[in-house]
mmCIF file of all heavy atoms, coordinates in Angstrom:
data_MODEL
# 
_entry.id   MODEL 
# 
loop_
_atom_site.group_PDB 
_atom_site.id 
_atom_site.type_symbol 
_atom_site.label_atom_id 
_atom_site.label_alt_id 
_atom_site.label_comp_id 
_atom_site.label_asym_id 
_atom_site.label_entity_id 
_atom_site.label_seq_id 
_atom_site.pdbx_PDB_ins_code 
_atom_site.Cartn_x 
_atom_site.Cartn_y 
_atom_site.Cartn_z 
_atom_site.occupancy 
_atom_site.B_iso_or_equiv 
_atom_site.pdbx_formal_charge 
_atom_site.auth_seq_id 
_atom_site.auth_comp_id 
_atom_site.auth_asym_id 
_atom_site.auth_atom_id 
_atom_site.pdbx_PDB_model_num 
ATOM 1   N N   . VAL A 1 1  ? 50.978 -35.319 101.742 1.00 0.00 ? 1  VAL A N   1 
ATOM 2   C CA  . VAL A 1 1  ? 49.860 -36.046 102.327 1.00 0.00 ? 1  VAL A CA  1 
ATOM 3   C C   . VAL A 1 1  ? 49.520 -37.329 101.263 1.00 0.00 ? 1  VAL A C   1 
ATOM 4   O O   . VAL A 1 1  ? 49.028 -38.382 101.614 1.00 0.00 ? 1  VAL A O   1 
ATOM 5   C CB  . VAL A 1 1  ? 48.661 -35.210 102.535 1.00 0.00 ? 1  VAL A CB  1 
ATOM 6   C CG1 . VAL A 1 1  ? 47.380 -36.041 102.834 1.00 0.00 ? 1  VAL A CG1 1 
ATOM 7   C CG2 . VAL A 1 1  ? 48.869 -34.218 103.670 1.00 0.00 ? 1  VAL A CG2 1 
ATOM 8   N N   . ASP A 1 2  ? 49.794 -36.980 99.949  1.00 0.00 ? 2  ASP A N   1 
ATOM 9   C CA  . ASP A 1 2  ? 49.466 -37.944 98.839  1.00 0.00 ? 2  ASP A CA  1 
ATOM 10  C C   . ASP A 1 2  ? 49.941 -39.340 99.110  1.00 0.00 ? 2  ASP A C   1 
ATOM 11  O O   . ASP A 1 2  ? 49.285 -40.322 98.815  1.00 0.00 ? 2  ASP A O   1 
ATOM 12  C CB  . ASP A 1 2  ? 49.915 -37.469 97.595  1.00 0.00 ? 2  ASP A CB  1 
ATOM 13  C CG  . ASP A 1 2  ? 49.100 -36.164 97.146  1.00 0.00 ? 2  ASP A CG  1 
ATOM 14  O OD1 . ASP A 1 2  ? 48.178 -35.766 97.846  1.00 0.00 ? 2  ASP A OD1 1 
ATOM 15  O OD2 . ASP A 1 2  ? 49.522 -35.449 96.184  1.00 0.00 ? 2  ASP A OD2 1 
ATOM 16  N N   . PRO A 1 3  ? 51.297 -39.531 99.465  1.00 0.00 ? 3  PRO A N   1 
ATOM 17  C CA  . PRO A 1 3  ? 51.776 -40.959 99.420  1.00 0.00 ? 3  PRO A CA  1 
ATOM 18  C C   . PRO A 1 3  ? 51.091 -41.854 100.376 1.00 0.00 ? 3  PRO A C   1 
ATOM 19  O O   . PRO A 1 3  ? 51.221 -43.077 100.223 1.00 0.00 ? 3  PRO A O   1 
ATOM 20  C CB  . PRO A 1 3  ? 53.300 -40.779 99.908  1.00 0.00 ? 3  PRO A CB  1 
ATOM 21  C CG  . PRO A 1 3  ? 53.264 -39.429 100.624 1.00 0.00 ? 3  PRO A CG  1 
ATOM 22  C CD  . PRO A 1 3  ? 52.271 -38.656 99.949  1.00 0.00 ? 3  PRO A CD  1 
ATOM 23  N N   . TYR A 1 4  ? 50.265 -41.471 101.282 1.00 0.00 ? 4  TYR A N   1 
ATOM 24  C CA  . TYR A 1 4  ? 49.679 -42.399 102.079 1.00 0.00 ? 4  TYR A CA  1 
ATOM 25  C C   . TYR A 1 4  ? 48.513 -43.240 101.564 1.00 0.00 ? 4  TYR A C   1 
ATOM 26  O O   . TYR A 1 4  ? 48.139 -44.342 101.905 1.00 0.00 ? 4  TYR A O   1 
ATOM 27  C CB  . TYR A 1 4  ? 48.966 -41.762 103.412 1.00 0.00 ? 4  TYR A CB  1 
ATOM 28  C CG  . TYR A 1 4  ? 50.024 -41.078 104.289 1.00 0.00 ? 4  TYR A CG  1 
ATOM 29  C CD1 . TYR A 1 4  ? 50.210 -39.686 104.279 1.00 0.00 ? 4  TYR A CD1 1 
ATOM 30  C CD2 . TYR A 1 4  ? 50.890 -41.700 104.937 1.00 0.00 ? 4  TYR A CD2 1 
ATOM 31  C CE1 . TYR A 1 4  ? 51.145 -38.939 105.053 1.00 0.00 ? 4  TYR A CE1 1 
ATOM 32  C CE2 . TYR A 1 4  ? 51.927 -41.243 105.864 1.00 0.00 ? 4  TYR A CE2 1 
ATOM 33  C CZ  . TYR A 1 4  ? 52.084 -39.871 105.755 1.00 0.00 ? 4  TYR A CZ  1 
ATOM 34  O OH  . TYR A 1 4  ? 53.018 -39.282 106.528 1.00 0.00 ? 4  TYR A OH  1 
ATOM 35  N N   . TRP A 1 5  ? 47.977 -42.779 100.361 1.00 0.00 ? 5  TRP A N   1 
ATOM 36  C CA  . TRP A 1 5  ? 47.148 -43.485 99.507  1.00 0.00 ? 5  TRP A CA  1 
ATOM 37  C C   . TRP A 1 5  ? 47.739 -44.846 99.180  1.00 0.00 ? 5  TRP A C   1 
ATOM 38  O O   . TRP A 1 5  ? 47.160 -45.908 99.411  1.00 0.00 ? 5  TRP A O   1 
ATOM 39  C CB  . TRP A 1 5  ? 46.640 -42.764 98.347  1.00 0.00 ? 5  TRP A CB  1 
ATOM 40  C CG  . TRP A 1 5  ? 45.711 -41.608 98.535  1.00 0.00 ? 5  TRP A CG  1 
ATOM 41  C CD1 . TRP A 1 5  ? 46.120 -40.315 98.842  1.00 0.00 ? 5  TRP A CD1 1 
ATOM 42  C CD2 . TRP A 1 5  ? 44.287 -41.626 98.436  1.00 0.00 ? 5  TRP A CD2 1 
ATOM 43  N NE1 . TRP A 1 5  ? 44.928 -39.574 98.937  1.00 0.00 ? 5  TRP A NE1 1 
ATOM 44  C CE2 . TRP A 1 5  ? 43.917 -40.401 98.730  1.00 0.00 ? 5  TRP A CE2 1 
ATOM 45  C CE3 . TRP A 1 5  ? 43.354 -42.641 98.038  1.00 0.00 ? 5  TRP A CE3 1 
ATOM 46  C CZ2 . TRP A 1 5  ? 42.500 -40.138 98.700  1.00 0.00 ? 5  TRP A CZ2 1 
ATOM 47  C CZ3 . TRP A 1 5  ? 41.949 -42.292 98.195  1.00 0.00 ? 5  TRP A CZ3 1 
ATOM 48  C CH2 . TRP A 1 5  ? 41.582 -41.011 98.426  1.00 0.00 ? 5  TRP A CH2 1 
ATOM 49  N N   . ALA A 1 6  ? 49.012 -44.831 98.682  1.00 0.00 ? 6  ALA A N   1 
ATOM 50  C CA  . ALA A 1 6  ? 49.663 -46.027 98.267  1.00 0.00 ? 6  ALA A CA  1 
ATOM 51  C C   . ALA A 1 6  ? 50.173 -46.749 99.483  1.00 0.00 ? 6  ALA A C   1 
ATOM 52  O O   . ALA A 1 6  ? 50.014 -48.019 99.612  1.00 0.00 ? 6  ALA A O   1 
ATOM 53  C CB  . ALA A 1 6  ? 50.751 -45.771 97.288  1.00 0.00 ? 6  ALA A CB  1 
ATOM 54  N N   . SER A 1 7  ? 50.866 -45.966 100.345 1.00 0.00 ? 7  SER A N   1 
ATOM 55  C CA  . SER A 1 7  ? 51.625 -46.723 101.472 1.00 0.00 ? 7  SER A CA  1 
ATOM 56  C C   . SER A 1 7  ? 50.697 -47.417 102.466 1.00 0.00 ? 7  SER A C   1 
ATOM 57  O O   . SER A 1 7  ? 51.040 -48.389 103.093 1.00 0.00 ? 7  SER A O   1 
ATOM 58  C CB  . SER A 1 7  ? 52.506 -45.703 102.134 1.00 0.00 ? 7  SER A CB  1 
ATOM 59  O OG  . SER A 1 7  ? 51.769 -44.784 102.883 1.00 0.00 ? 7  SER A OG  1 
ATOM 60  N N   . CYS A 1 8  ? 49.408 -46.926 102.557 1.00 0.00 ? 8  CYS A N   1 
ATOM 61  C CA  . CYS A 1 8  ? 48.514 -47.612 103.487 1.00 0.00 ? 8  CYS A CA  1 
ATOM 62  C C   . CYS A 1 8  ? 47.416 -48.322 102.701 1.00 0.00 ? 8  CYS A C   1 
ATOM 63  O O   . CYS A 1 8  ? 46.418 -48.744 103.203 1.00 0.00 ? 8  CYS A O   1 
ATOM 64  C CB  . CYS A 1 8  ? 47.820 -46.477 104.139 1.00 0.00 ? 8  CYS A CB  1 
ATOM 65  S SG  . CYS A 1 8  ? 48.900 -45.633 105.333 1.00 0.00 ? 8  CYS A SG  1 
ATOM 66  N N   . GLU A 1 9  ? 47.577 -48.594 101.410 1.00 0.00 ? 9  GLU A N   1 
ATOM 67  C CA  . GLU A 1 9  ? 46.880 -49.461 100.610 1.00 0.00 ? 9  GLU A CA  1 
ATOM 68  C C   . GLU A 1 9  ? 45.384 -49.038 100.438 1.00 0.00 ? 9  GLU A C   1 
ATOM 69  O O   . GLU A 1 9  ? 44.382 -49.802 100.721 1.00 0.00 ? 9  GLU A O   1 
ATOM 70  C CB  . GLU A 1 9  ? 46.859 -50.978 100.961 1.00 0.00 ? 9  GLU A CB  1 
ATOM 71  C CG  . GLU A 1 9  ? 48.243 -51.471 100.938 1.00 0.00 ? 9  GLU A CG  1 
ATOM 72  C CD  . GLU A 1 9  ? 48.280 -52.968 101.283 1.00 0.00 ? 9  GLU A CD  1 
ATOM 73  O OE1 . GLU A 1 9  ? 47.376 -53.433 102.040 1.00 0.00 ? 9  GLU A OE1 1 
ATOM 74  O OE2 . GLU A 1 9  ? 49.206 -53.736 100.939 1.00 0.00 ? 9  GLU A OE2 1 
ATOM 75  N N   . VAL A 1 10 ? 45.214 -47.704 100.211 1.00 0.00 ? 10 VAL A N   1 
ATOM 76  C CA  . VAL A 1 10 ? 43.850 -47.149 99.998  1.00 0.00 ? 10 VAL A CA  1 
ATOM 77  C C   . VAL A 1 10 ? 43.711 -47.053 98.404  1.00 0.00 ? 10 VAL A C   1 
ATOM 78  O O   . VAL A 1 10 ? 44.168 -46.130 97.811  1.00 0.00 ? 10 VAL A O   1 
ATOM 79  C CB  . VAL A 1 10 ? 43.625 -45.839 100.641 1.00 0.00 ? 10 VAL A CB  1 
ATOM 80  C CG1 . VAL A 1 10 ? 42.334 -45.274 100.290 1.00 0.00 ? 10 VAL A CG1 1 
ATOM 81  C CG2 . VAL A 1 10 ? 43.969 -45.823 102.099 1.00 0.00 ? 10 VAL A CG2 1 
ATOM 82  N N   . ASP A 1 11 ? 43.033 -48.077 97.876  1.00 0.00 ? 11 ASP A N   1 
ATOM 83  C CA  . ASP A 1 11 ? 42.833 -48.108 96.434  1.00 0.00 ? 11 ASP A CA  1 
ATOM 84  C C   . ASP A 1 11 ? 41.627 -47.348 95.971  1.00 0.00 ? 11 ASP A C   1 
ATOM 85  O O   . ASP A 1 11 ? 40.603 -47.205 96.605  1.00 0.00 ? 11 ASP A O   1 
ATOM 86  C CB  . ASP A 1 11 ? 42.659 -49.628 95.900  1.00 0.00 ? 11 ASP A CB  1 
ATOM 87  C CG  . ASP A 1 11 ? 43.943 -50.455 96.171  1.00 0.00 ? 11 ASP A CG  1 
ATOM 88  O OD1 . ASP A 1 11 ? 45.045 -49.795 96.223  1.00 0.00 ? 11 ASP A OD1 1 
ATOM 89  O OD2 . ASP A 1 11 ? 43.790 -51.549 96.607  1.00 0.00 ? 11 ASP A OD2 1 
ATOM 90  N N   . ILE A 1 12 ? 41.662 -46.839 94.644  1.00 0.00 ? 12 ILE A N   1 
ATOM 91  C CA  . ILE A 1 12 ? 40.611 -46.119 94.210  1.00 0.00 ? 12 ILE A CA  1 
ATOM 92  C C   . ILE A 1 12 ? 39.882 -46.922 93.068  1.00 0.00 ? 12 ILE A C   1 
ATOM 93  O O   . ILE A 1 12 ? 38.646 -47.068 93.133  1.00 0.00 ? 12 ILE A O   1 
ATOM 94  C CB  . ILE A 1 12 ? 40.995 -44.777 93.571  1.00 0.00 ? 12 ILE A CB  1 
ATOM 95  C CG1 . ILE A 1 12 ? 41.630 -43.870 94.727  1.00 0.00 ? 12 ILE A CG1 1 
ATOM 96  C CG2 . ILE A 1 12 ? 39.767 -43.920 93.022  1.00 0.00 ? 12 ILE A CG2 1 
ATOM 97  C CD1 . ILE A 1 12 ? 42.240 -42.628 94.212  1.00 0.00 ? 12 ILE A CD1 1 
ATOM 98  N N   . LEU A 1 13 ? 40.609 -47.355 92.091  1.00 0.00 ? 13 LEU A N   1 
ATOM 99  C CA  . LEU A 1 13 ? 39.961 -48.091 91.009  1.00 0.00 ? 13 LEU A CA  1 
ATOM 100 C C   . LEU A 1 13 ? 40.721 -49.562 90.831  1.00 0.00 ? 13 LEU A C   1 
ATOM 101 O O   . LEU A 1 13 ? 41.902 -49.615 91.168  1.00 0.00 ? 13 LEU A O   1 
ATOM 102 C CB  . LEU A 1 13 ? 40.171 -47.285 89.571  1.00 0.00 ? 13 LEU A CB  1 
ATOM 103 C CG  . LEU A 1 13 ? 39.493 -46.024 89.523  1.00 0.00 ? 13 LEU A CG  1 
ATOM 104 C CD1 . LEU A 1 13 ? 39.753 -45.371 88.134  1.00 0.00 ? 13 LEU A CD1 1 
ATOM 105 C CD2 . LEU A 1 13 ? 38.046 -46.014 89.835  1.00 0.00 ? 13 LEU A CD2 1 
ATOM 106 N N   . ALA A 1 14 ? 39.890 -50.346 90.188  1.00 0.00 ? 14 ALA A N   1 
ATOM 107 C CA  . ALA A 1 14 ? 40.464 -51.653 89.844  1.00 0.00 ? 14 ALA A CA  1 
ATOM 108 C C   . ALA A 1 14 ? 39.762 -51.970 88.436  1.00 0.00 ? 14 ALA A C   1 
ATOM 109 O O   . ALA A 1 14 ? 39.252 -51.121 87.808  1.00 0.00 ? 14 ALA A O   1 
ATOM 110 C CB  . ALA A 1 14 ? 40.156 -52.745 90.895  1.00 0.00 ? 14 ALA A CB  1 
ATOM 111 N N   . ARG A 1 15 ? 39.943 -53.311 88.101  1.00 0.00 ? 15 ARG A N   1 
ATOM 112 C CA  . ARG A 1 15 ? 39.350 -53.849 86.759  1.00 0.00 ? 15 ARG A CA  1 
ATOM 113 C C   . ARG A 1 15 ? 38.428 -54.892 87.030  1.00 0.00 ? 15 ARG A C   1 
ATOM 114 O O   . ARG A 1 15 ? 38.636 -55.590 87.858  1.00 0.00 ? 15 ARG A O   1 
ATOM 115 C CB  . ARG A 1 15 ? 40.516 -54.284 85.778  1.00 0.00 ? 15 ARG A CB  1 
ATOM 116 C CG  . ARG A 1 15 ? 41.744 -53.362 85.583  1.00 0.00 ? 15 ARG A CG  1 
ATOM 117 C CD  . ARG A 1 15 ? 41.352 -52.441 84.400  1.00 0.00 ? 15 ARG A CD  1 
ATOM 118 N NE  . ARG A 1 15 ? 42.564 -51.815 83.974  1.00 0.00 ? 15 ARG A NE  1 
ATOM 119 C CZ  . ARG A 1 15 ? 42.639 -51.009 83.017  1.00 0.00 ? 15 ARG A CZ  1 
ATOM 120 N NH1 . ARG A 1 15 ? 41.583 -50.893 82.122  1.00 0.00 ? 15 ARG A NH1 1 
ATOM 121 N NH2 . ARG A 1 15 ? 43.695 -50.319 82.626  1.00 0.00 ? 15 ARG A NH2 1 
ATOM 122 N N   . ASP A 1 16 ? 37.368 -54.880 86.151  1.00 0.00 ? 16 ASP A N   1 
ATOM 123 C CA  . ASP A 1 16 ? 36.468 -56.099 86.331  1.00 0.00 ? 16 ASP A CA  1 
ATOM 124 C C   . ASP A 1 16 ? 36.861 -56.970 85.166  1.00 0.00 ? 16 ASP A C   1 
ATOM 125 O O   . ASP A 1 16 ? 37.818 -56.854 84.463  1.00 0.00 ? 16 ASP A O   1 
ATOM 126 C CB  . ASP A 1 16 ? 35.000 -55.627 86.194  1.00 0.00 ? 16 ASP A CB  1 
ATOM 127 C CG  . ASP A 1 16 ? 34.622 -54.940 84.923  1.00 0.00 ? 16 ASP A CG  1 
ATOM 128 O OD1 . ASP A 1 16 ? 35.380 -55.162 83.860  1.00 0.00 ? 16 ASP A OD1 1 
ATOM 129 O OD2 . ASP A 1 16 ? 33.573 -54.210 84.839  1.00 0.00 ? 16 ASP A OD2 1 
ATOM 130 N N   . GLU A 1 17 ? 36.087 -58.119 85.000  1.00 0.00 ? 17 GLU A N   1 
ATOM 131 C CA  . GLU A 1 17 ? 36.375 -59.139 84.164  1.00 0.00 ? 17 GLU A CA  1 
ATOM 132 C C   . GLU A 1 17 ? 36.353 -58.686 82.701  1.00 0.00 ? 17 GLU A C   1 
ATOM 133 O O   . GLU A 1 17 ? 36.885 -59.275 81.811  1.00 0.00 ? 17 GLU A O   1 
ATOM 134 C CB  . GLU A 1 17 ? 35.480 -60.355 84.363  1.00 0.00 ? 17 GLU A CB  1 
ATOM 135 C CG  . GLU A 1 17 ? 34.106 -60.070 84.104  1.00 0.00 ? 17 GLU A CG  1 
ATOM 136 C CD  . GLU A 1 17 ? 33.386 -59.571 85.332  1.00 0.00 ? 17 GLU A CD  1 
ATOM 137 O OE1 . GLU A 1 17 ? 34.085 -59.284 86.362  1.00 0.00 ? 17 GLU A OE1 1 
ATOM 138 O OE2 . GLU A 1 17 ? 32.089 -59.495 85.433  1.00 0.00 ? 17 GLU A OE2 1 
ATOM 139 N N   . ASP A 1 18 ? 35.615 -57.506 82.459  1.00 0.00 ? 18 ASP A N   1 
ATOM 140 C CA  . ASP A 1 18 ? 35.458 -57.112 81.017  1.00 0.00 ? 18 ASP A CA  1 
ATOM 141 C C   . ASP A 1 18 ? 36.539 -56.116 80.775  1.00 0.00 ? 18 ASP A C   1 
ATOM 142 O O   . ASP A 1 18 ? 36.571 -55.558 79.643  1.00 0.00 ? 18 ASP A O   1 
ATOM 143 C CB  . ASP A 1 18 ? 34.058 -56.499 80.850  1.00 0.00 ? 18 ASP A CB  1 
ATOM 144 C CG  . ASP A 1 18 ? 32.905 -57.474 80.983  1.00 0.00 ? 18 ASP A CG  1 
ATOM 145 O OD1 . ASP A 1 18 ? 33.282 -58.671 80.565  1.00 0.00 ? 18 ASP A OD1 1 
ATOM 146 O OD2 . ASP A 1 18 ? 32.049 -57.134 81.650  1.00 0.00 ? 18 ASP A OD2 1 
ATOM 147 N N   . GLY A 1 19 ? 37.460 -55.773 81.616  1.00 0.00 ? 19 GLY A N   1 
ATOM 148 C CA  . GLY A 1 19 ? 38.442 -54.743 81.537  1.00 0.00 ? 19 GLY A CA  1 
ATOM 149 C C   . GLY A 1 19 ? 38.024 -53.285 81.796  1.00 0.00 ? 19 GLY A C   1 
ATOM 150 O O   . GLY A 1 19 ? 38.769 -52.426 81.660  1.00 0.00 ? 19 GLY A O   1 
ATOM 151 N N   . ASP A 1 20 ? 36.880 -53.086 82.315  1.00 0.00 ? 20 ASP A N   1 
ATOM 152 C CA  . ASP A 1 20 ? 36.324 -51.845 82.674  1.00 0.00 ? 20 ASP A CA  1 
ATOM 153 C C   . ASP A 1 20 ? 36.837 -51.512 83.992  1.00 0.00 ? 20 ASP A C   1 
ATOM 154 O O   . ASP A 1 20 ? 37.072 -52.328 84.892  1.00 0.00 ? 20 ASP A O   1 
ATOM 155 C CB  . ASP A 1 20 ? 34.742 -51.811 82.686  1.00 0.00 ? 20 ASP A CB  1 
ATOM 156 C CG  . ASP A 1 20 ? 34.125 -51.861 81.402  1.00 0.00 ? 20 ASP A CG  1 
ATOM 157 O OD1 . ASP A 1 20 ? 34.665 -51.291 80.381  1.00 0.00 ? 20 ASP A OD1 1 
ATOM 158 O OD2 . ASP A 1 20 ? 33.136 -52.600 81.196  1.00 0.00 ? 20 ASP A OD2 1 
ATOM 159 N N   . PHE A 1 21 ? 36.999 -50.157 84.278  1.00 0.00 ? 21 PHE A N   1 
ATOM 160 C CA  . PHE A 1 21 ? 37.411 -49.587 85.534  1.00 0.00 ? 21 PHE A CA  1 
ATOM 161 C C   . PHE A 1 21 ? 36.218 -49.845 86.462  1.00 0.00 ? 21 PHE A C   1 
ATOM 162 O O   . PHE A 1 21 ? 35.075 -49.640 86.107  1.00 0.00 ? 21 PHE A O   1 
ATOM 163 C CB  . PHE A 1 21 ? 37.797 -48.223 85.507  1.00 0.00 ? 21 PHE A CB  1 
ATOM 164 C CG  . PHE A 1 21 ? 39.080 -47.813 84.774  1.00 0.00 ? 21 PHE A CG  1 
ATOM 165 C CD1 . PHE A 1 21 ? 39.076 -46.978 83.741  1.00 0.00 ? 21 PHE A CD1 1 
ATOM 166 C CD2 . PHE A 1 21 ? 40.272 -48.451 85.063  1.00 0.00 ? 21 PHE A CD2 1 
ATOM 167 C CE1 . PHE A 1 21 ? 40.194 -46.591 82.901  1.00 0.00 ? 21 PHE A CE1 1 
ATOM 168 C CE2 . PHE A 1 21 ? 41.400 -48.142 84.429  1.00 0.00 ? 21 PHE A CE2 1 
ATOM 169 C CZ  . PHE A 1 21 ? 41.403 -47.243 83.313  1.00 0.00 ? 21 PHE A CZ  1 
ATOM 170 N N   . THR A 1 22 ? 36.546 -50.149 87.661  1.00 0.00 ? 22 THR A N   1 
ATOM 171 C CA  . THR A 1 22 ? 35.464 -50.250 88.700  1.00 0.00 ? 22 THR A CA  1 
ATOM 172 C C   . THR A 1 22 ? 36.076 -49.559 90.120  1.00 0.00 ? 22 THR A C   1 
ATOM 173 O O   . THR A 1 22 ? 37.206 -49.696 90.258  1.00 0.00 ? 22 THR A O   1 
ATOM 174 C CB  . THR A 1 22 ? 35.111 -51.784 89.021  1.00 0.00 ? 22 THR A CB  1 
ATOM 175 O OG1 . THR A 1 22 ? 34.081 -51.871 89.949  1.00 0.00 ? 22 THR A OG1 1 
ATOM 176 C CG2 . THR A 1 22 ? 36.249 -52.570 89.418  1.00 0.00 ? 22 THR A CG2 1 
ATOM 177 N N   . ILE A 1 23 ? 35.166 -49.007 90.755  1.00 0.00 ? 23 ILE A N   1 
ATOM 178 C CA  . ILE A 1 23 ? 35.528 -48.334 92.033  1.00 0.00 ? 23 ILE A CA  1 
ATOM 179 C C   . ILE A 1 23 ? 35.603 -49.340 93.210  1.00 0.00 ? 23 ILE A C   1 
ATOM 180 O O   . ILE A 1 23 ? 34.712 -50.122 93.380  1.00 0.00 ? 23 ILE A O   1 
ATOM 181 C CB  . ILE A 1 23 ? 34.409 -47.253 92.247  1.00 0.00 ? 23 ILE A CB  1 
ATOM 182 C CG1 . ILE A 1 23 ? 34.429 -46.085 91.191  1.00 0.00 ? 23 ILE A CG1 1 
ATOM 183 C CG2 . ILE A 1 23 ? 34.776 -46.564 93.703  1.00 0.00 ? 23 ILE A CG2 1 
ATOM 184 C CD1 . ILE A 1 23 ? 33.352 -45.176 91.315  1.00 0.00 ? 23 ILE A CD1 1 
ATOM 185 N N   . VAL A 1 24 ? 36.719 -49.326 93.814  1.00 0.00 ? 24 VAL A N   1 
ATOM 186 C CA  . VAL A 1 24 ? 37.004 -50.183 94.959  1.00 0.00 ? 24 VAL A CA  1 
ATOM 187 C C   . VAL A 1 24 ? 37.265 -49.379 96.203  1.00 0.00 ? 24 VAL A C   1 
ATOM 188 O O   . VAL A 1 24 ? 37.581 -49.781 97.240  1.00 0.00 ? 24 VAL A O   1 
ATOM 189 C CB  . VAL A 1 24 ? 38.126 -51.118 94.685  1.00 0.00 ? 24 VAL A CB  1 
ATOM 190 C CG1 . VAL A 1 24 ? 37.736 -52.089 93.620  1.00 0.00 ? 24 VAL A CG1 1 
ATOM 191 C CG2 . VAL A 1 24 ? 39.462 -50.436 94.408  1.00 0.00 ? 24 VAL A CG2 1 
# 
């Protein structure tokens, strides 16, 4: 079931302008 996170473009974290993790 795990690969659908990537294959369907369901993102969890990204970066903000300060380099901190941010939830998306």
